[in-house]
Amino acid sequence: MIIMNKIFKLFSILSLVTIVFFSCAPDAYQLKAPLDKSAVKFSVTTDATNPNKFILKSLTPNAQAYWVTPVGTSVKLNDTIVIPFPAKNDTILYSVETPGGIVTADPHVFDVTTIDADYVSGSMWTYLTGGINKSKTWVMDLDANGVSKYFTCPFYFAGLNADGSGWEWDPNFADIGWSGVSKGDYGTMTFDLIGNSNFKSDNKMFPALSGTGKFMLFPGTNQLITYGAQVLHDRAEGDKVVNWYAKMTIKAIDADHMQLIAVIDAKNWLIYNYISKSYYDSH
C-alpha cells in the first residue's frame, strides 16, 4: 500500500508539471521570412598589381558574412585571399546569416592563369623546387649497393615514450635487416614551379606508387602535401604509414638534404631521408 501511494503521488506530480509546461508554452515557433536571394550582394575583384590576389567584400547590410574559398573559409565582411597557382573554374561561395536563416548567393567562378612569384619566393620553396620556373629532382638516400650517401639510413624511427617524451633511432642500413626493406634504386621524384606546382614520382622499385600530380608547401607550419602521386618510399615500412597523401612535416630541408615525417600512429612515425639528385651524382 505504501508503494502504491508513492507511485500515485509520483504520477500526480508528473501530470501537474506536464499541464503547467503546456499551458505556459507558446502556441508555435516561427522563423522570420528568409532573405530573398536577390538581396544577397557581394563583390570579388582582382588586385590591380597581382592577378593572384582577390579582394572579397560583403555588400549585404546587417548580415553576417561567410565565405568558402579554395584556400579556406572566412567570416570577415571584407577579406583578401591569394590563389598562388593557376586553376580553372575555381569558385568562391558567399553566404549570409539572417534571422530567417542562411542564404547563399550564386557562386563566383573564376580562372587563375599565373603563379604568384612573391608567394613562392621563400627559401623553402627554392630548396624544394629550385625556384620559380625551375625544377629539382630528389632521391631516397639508398642505392643498389645498400649505401646511404649522406644520412646513415633511408629512414629513421621516432615516436613518444610512455611518459610523453620523444625518442629517435638513427640506425645504419645494415642494422635494419629485420625490417624487410630492400636495397635498390628507388628512382626519383621531381618538384617544379614551371607553370604550376607540379610533382612527379618515378618509383622504380614499386611502379604502382609512381604518378604525376601537384604539391603544396606550407612554410609557416613546415609541411608538404602531394596530390596524385606519393613521395618515394619503400613498401616494407612504408605500408605502415596511415596516409601518404596527408600533410607531412618537413623535419629538415636545405639545398641538398630533406627529411619528411610520415605518421604511423599517434605515438610512432618514420623520418624519410632524401638527397638531391645532383648531390647523389656528385658523391
Protein backbone atom coordinates (compact mmCIF):
# COMPACT_ATOMS: atom_id res chain seq x y z
CA MET A 1 0.00 0.00 0.00
CA ILE A 2 2.85 2.37 0.84
CA ILE A 3 4.46 1.62 -2.54
CA MET A 4 1.15 2.26 -4.37
CA ASN A 5 0.74 5.61 -2.59
CA LYS A 6 4.25 6.68 -3.66
CA ILE A 7 3.54 5.69 -7.25
CA PHE A 8 0.24 7.62 -7.21
CA LYS A 9 1.97 10.74 -5.83
CA LEU A 10 4.72 10.50 -8.46
CA PHE A 11 2.20 10.32 -11.32
CA SER A 12 0.29 13.24 -9.82
CA ILE A 13 3.41 15.40 -9.72
CA LEU A 14 4.37 14.48 -13.30
CA SER A 15 0.85 15.24 -14.53
CA LEU A 16 0.90 18.64 -12.84
CA VAL A 17 4.31 19.51 -14.36
CA THR A 18 3.07 18.48 -17.80
CA ILE A 19 -0.06 20.63 -17.50
CA VAL A 20 1.93 23.67 -16.34
CA PHE A 21 4.51 23.23 -19.14
CA PHE A 22 2.00 23.06 -21.96
CA SER A 23 -0.12 25.90 -20.53
CA CYS A 24 2.98 28.15 -20.49
CA ALA A 25 4.44 27.10 -23.85
CA PRO A 26 3.86 29.35 -26.87
CA ASP A 27 1.41 28.13 -29.47
CA ALA A 28 4.07 27.99 -32.23
CA TYR A 29 7.63 28.85 -33.11
CA GLN A 30 8.12 30.68 -36.39
CA LEU A 31 11.26 31.98 -38.12
CA LYS A 32 11.19 35.24 -39.94
CA ALA A 33 10.89 35.06 -43.71
CA PRO A 34 14.26 34.25 -45.31
CA LEU A 35 16.09 36.99 -47.17
CA ASP A 36 15.44 36.87 -50.89
CA LYS A 37 18.46 35.60 -52.81
CA SER A 38 18.43 38.71 -54.99
CA ALA A 39 19.17 40.81 -51.88
CA VAL A 40 22.40 38.91 -51.13
CA LYS A 41 25.11 41.17 -52.53
CA PHE A 42 28.89 40.81 -52.64
CA SER A 43 31.85 41.58 -54.86
CA VAL A 44 35.07 39.77 -55.80
CA THR A 45 37.71 41.84 -57.58
CA THR A 46 41.26 41.11 -58.67
CA ASP A 47 44.07 43.21 -57.23
CA ALA A 48 45.37 45.68 -59.81
CA THR A 49 49.01 44.70 -59.26
CA ASN A 50 48.68 40.97 -58.51
CA PRO A 51 46.34 38.74 -60.59
CA ASN A 52 46.57 36.01 -57.94
CA LYS A 53 45.15 38.26 -55.19
CA PHE A 54 41.36 38.57 -54.77
CA ILE A 55 39.51 41.17 -52.70
CA LEU A 56 36.24 39.98 -51.13
CA LYS A 57 33.58 42.45 -49.99
CA SER A 58 30.24 41.73 -48.34
CA LEU A 59 27.61 44.21 -49.57
CA THR A 60 24.59 42.81 -47.72
CA PRO A 61 23.53 45.17 -44.90
CA ASN A 62 23.06 43.87 -41.34
CA ALA A 63 24.11 40.30 -42.16
CA GLN A 64 26.94 38.04 -41.02
CA ALA A 65 29.09 37.02 -43.98
CA TYR A 66 30.50 33.55 -44.55
CA TRP A 67 32.97 32.85 -47.38
CA VAL A 68 34.13 29.49 -48.72
CA THR A 69 37.18 29.84 -50.98
CA PRO A 70 39.78 27.49 -52.50
CA VAL A 71 42.17 28.47 -49.70
CA GLY A 72 39.81 28.26 -46.73
CA THR A 73 36.84 29.94 -45.06
CA SER A 74 36.32 33.40 -43.61
CA VAL A 75 33.66 35.29 -41.64
CA LYS A 76 35.11 38.74 -42.31
CA LEU A 77 32.96 41.32 -44.07
CA ASN A 78 35.98 42.29 -46.17
CA ASP A 79 38.89 39.93 -46.80
CA THR A 80 41.77 39.31 -49.21
CA ILE A 81 42.92 35.90 -50.40
CA VAL A 82 45.77 34.70 -52.59
CA ILE A 83 45.39 31.80 -55.03
CA PRO A 84 49.09 31.12 -55.66
CA PHE A 85 48.82 28.72 -58.63
CA PRO A 86 46.89 28.50 -61.89
CA ALA A 87 43.43 26.98 -61.65
CA LYS A 88 40.38 26.68 -63.89
CA ASN A 89 36.77 27.11 -62.80
CA ASP A 90 37.62 27.78 -59.17
CA THR A 91 34.72 29.04 -57.06
CA ILE A 92 34.08 31.40 -54.18
CA LEU A 93 30.84 30.89 -52.25
CA TYR A 94 29.27 33.76 -50.31
CA SER A 95 26.53 33.23 -47.74
CA VAL A 96 24.87 35.42 -45.12
CA GLU A 97 23.26 34.51 -41.83
CA THR A 98 19.98 36.34 -41.24
CA PRO A 99 17.10 35.98 -38.76
CA GLY A 100 15.35 33.97 -41.47
CA GLY A 101 18.23 31.53 -41.92
CA ILE A 102 21.30 31.05 -44.14
CA VAL A 103 21.10 32.32 -47.71
CA THR A 104 23.80 31.54 -50.29
CA ALA A 105 24.40 33.54 -53.44
CA ASP A 106 25.28 32.02 -56.79
CA PRO A 107 28.99 31.04 -56.80
CA HIS A 108 31.63 33.35 -58.20
CA VAL A 109 33.53 31.27 -60.80
CA PHE A 110 36.96 32.34 -61.96
CA ASP A 111 40.24 31.20 -63.52
CA VAL A 112 43.80 31.84 -62.40
CA THR A 113 46.48 31.75 -65.10
CA THR A 114 49.66 32.79 -63.29
CA ILE A 115 51.92 31.78 -60.41
CA ASP A 116 52.31 34.32 -57.62
CA ALA A 117 56.08 34.76 -57.75
CA ASP A 118 56.19 36.50 -54.36
CA TYR A 119 54.30 33.64 -52.72
CA VAL A 120 56.89 31.07 -53.83
CA SER A 121 59.98 33.21 -53.25
CA GLY A 122 60.86 31.86 -49.79
CA SER A 123 63.89 29.68 -49.12
CA MET A 124 61.85 26.52 -48.50
CA TRP A 125 60.23 26.79 -51.94
CA THR A 126 63.65 27.33 -53.51
CA TYR A 127 65.23 24.41 -51.65
CA LEU A 128 62.43 22.07 -52.71
CA THR A 129 61.96 23.10 -56.35
CA GLY A 130 64.94 25.19 -57.38
CA GLY A 131 62.74 28.29 -57.62
CA ILE A 132 60.19 29.85 -59.96
CA ASN A 133 60.23 28.31 -63.46
CA LYS A 134 62.69 25.65 -62.28
CA SER A 135 62.61 22.03 -61.10
CA LYS A 136 64.56 19.87 -58.68
CA THR A 137 64.85 16.10 -58.54
CA TRP A 138 65.29 14.14 -55.31
CA VAL A 139 66.16 10.51 -54.49
CA MET A 140 65.76 8.41 -51.39
CA ASP A 141 69.13 8.12 -49.66
CA LEU A 142 69.77 4.48 -50.51
CA ASP A 143 71.34 2.94 -53.61
CA ALA A 144 71.51 -0.53 -55.14
CA ASN A 145 74.59 -1.33 -53.03
CA GLY A 146 72.78 -0.51 -49.79
CA VAL A 147 74.77 2.71 -49.36
CA SER A 148 73.34 5.95 -47.96
CA LYS A 149 75.45 8.87 -49.14
CA TYR A 150 74.56 11.50 -46.53
CA PHE A 151 72.31 10.00 -43.86
CA THR A 152 73.05 6.67 -42.17
CA CYS A 153 69.86 5.04 -43.47
CA PRO A 154 67.00 5.78 -45.88
CA PHE A 155 64.72 6.40 -42.89
CA TYR A 156 64.88 6.75 -39.12
CA PHE A 157 62.44 5.63 -36.43
CA ALA A 158 60.85 8.02 -33.93
CA GLY A 159 57.95 8.34 -31.52
CA LEU A 160 56.80 9.02 -27.99
CA ASN A 161 57.66 7.18 -24.80
CA ALA A 162 55.03 6.30 -22.20
CA ASP A 163 55.85 9.50 -20.28
CA GLY A 164 55.31 11.63 -23.37
CA SER A 165 58.97 12.33 -24.05
CA GLY A 166 60.23 11.84 -27.59
CA TRP A 167 62.73 9.33 -28.92
CA GLU A 168 64.56 8.86 -32.24
CA TRP A 169 66.70 5.98 -33.52
CA ASP A 170 69.05 6.69 -36.45
CA PRO A 171 70.38 3.24 -37.40
CA ASN A 172 72.73 2.19 -40.17
CA PHE A 173 71.03 0.39 -43.04
CA ALA A 174 72.88 -2.81 -42.08
CA ASP A 175 71.15 -2.70 -38.67
CA ILE A 176 67.61 -2.99 -40.01
CA GLY A 177 67.77 -6.22 -41.99
CA TRP A 178 64.83 -7.43 -39.90
CA SER A 179 62.60 -4.74 -41.41
CA GLY A 180 62.41 -6.31 -44.86
CA VAL A 181 63.47 -3.09 -46.60
CA SER A 182 65.40 -3.92 -49.77
CA LYS A 183 68.42 -2.08 -51.07
CA GLY A 184 67.93 -0.83 -54.61
CA ASP A 185 67.35 2.10 -56.92
CA TYR A 186 64.08 3.64 -55.77
CA GLY A 187 64.02 6.11 -58.64
CA THR A 188 63.35 9.83 -58.49
CA MET A 189 60.76 12.42 -57.51
CA THR A 190 60.65 15.89 -59.01
CA PHE A 191 59.09 19.11 -57.75
CA ASP A 192 58.80 22.07 -60.11
CA LEU A 193 57.27 25.53 -60.41
CA ILE A 194 57.06 25.57 -64.20
CA GLY A 195 53.60 26.92 -64.91
CA ASN A 196 52.15 25.38 -61.74
CA SER A 197 53.14 23.43 -58.62
CA ASN A 198 53.92 20.12 -60.35
CA PHE A 199 55.03 16.84 -58.81
CA LYS A 200 56.20 13.60 -60.43
CA SER A 201 57.26 10.37 -58.76
CA ASP A 202 59.07 7.59 -60.63
CA ASN A 203 59.38 4.78 -58.09
CA LYS A 204 61.46 2.14 -59.85
CA MET A 205 61.16 -0.36 -57.01
CA PHE A 206 57.37 -0.04 -56.83
CA PRO A 207 55.98 1.39 -60.10
CA ALA A 208 52.41 1.33 -58.74
CA LEU A 209 53.43 4.15 -56.39
CA SER A 210 54.53 6.32 -59.31
CA GLY A 211 52.48 9.08 -60.88
CA THR A 212 52.14 12.75 -61.66
CA GLY A 213 50.19 15.40 -59.83
CA LYS A 214 50.53 18.57 -57.79
CA PHE A 215 52.00 19.57 -54.47
CA MET A 216 51.54 22.29 -51.88
CA LEU A 217 54.09 23.64 -49.44
CA PHE A 218 53.18 25.30 -46.14
CA PRO A 219 56.32 27.13 -44.93
CA GLY A 220 54.53 28.56 -41.89
CA THR A 221 53.96 25.08 -40.46
CA ASN A 222 56.86 23.28 -42.22
CA GLN A 223 54.51 20.92 -44.06
CA LEU A 224 54.26 19.37 -47.51
CA ILE A 225 51.40 17.57 -49.24
CA THR A 226 51.29 15.85 -52.63
CA TYR A 227 48.31 15.07 -54.85
CA GLY A 228 48.14 12.33 -57.48
CA ALA A 229 51.45 10.67 -56.61
CA GLN A 230 53.29 9.64 -53.47
CA VAL A 231 56.78 10.68 -52.41
CA LEU A 232 59.40 7.94 -52.77
CA HIS A 233 59.26 5.26 -50.11
CA ASP A 234 59.63 1.53 -49.56
CA ARG A 235 56.76 -0.92 -49.00
CA ALA A 236 58.03 -2.90 -46.01
CA GLU A 237 57.92 0.00 -43.54
CA GLY A 238 56.10 2.49 -45.76
CA ASP A 239 52.92 0.41 -45.84
CA LYS A 240 52.56 1.07 -42.10
CA VAL A 241 52.08 4.79 -42.75
CA VAL A 242 48.47 5.89 -42.31
CA ASN A 243 48.18 8.14 -45.35
CA TRP A 244 50.91 9.18 -47.79
CA TYR A 245 48.61 11.91 -49.11
CA ALA A 246 48.29 13.61 -45.74
CA LYS A 247 50.32 16.66 -44.79
CA MET A 248 53.85 15.57 -43.88
CA THR A 249 56.02 17.61 -41.55
CA ILE A 250 59.34 18.67 -43.02
CA LYS A 251 61.83 17.92 -40.25
CA ALA A 252 64.72 19.49 -42.17
CA ILE A 253 65.47 20.82 -45.64
CA ASP A 254 68.32 22.61 -47.37
CA ALA A 255 69.67 22.71 -50.90
CA ASP A 256 70.66 19.01 -50.95
CA HIS A 257 69.04 17.23 -47.98
CA MET A 258 65.44 16.73 -46.87
CA GLN A 259 63.70 14.78 -44.09
CA LEU A 260 59.96 14.11 -44.14
CA ILE A 261 57.96 12.73 -41.22
CA ALA A 262 55.45 10.01 -42.17
CA VAL A 263 52.98 9.13 -39.40
CA ILE A 264 52.26 5.52 -38.45
CA ASP A 265 50.06 6.32 -35.44
CA ALA A 266 49.84 8.85 -32.60
CA LYS A 267 52.98 7.50 -30.93
CA ASN A 268 55.12 6.26 -33.83
CA TRP A 269 56.42 7.72 -37.07
CA LEU A 270 59.15 7.34 -39.67
CA ILE A 271 61.58 10.02 -40.81
CA TYR A 272 62.37 9.51 -44.51
CA ASN A 273 65.71 10.82 -45.73
CA TYR A 274 66.22 12.27 -49.22
CA ILE A 275 69.09 13.87 -51.08
CA SER A 276 69.04 15.93 -54.26
CA LYS A 277 69.87 14.07 -57.48
CA SER A 278 72.79 16.45 -58.04
CA TYR A 279 74.20 15.56 -54.61
CA TYR A 280 73.76 11.86 -55.35
CA ASP A 281 75.55 12.18 -58.69
CA SER A 282 78.47 14.09 -57.24
CA HIS A 283 79.16 11.94 -54.17
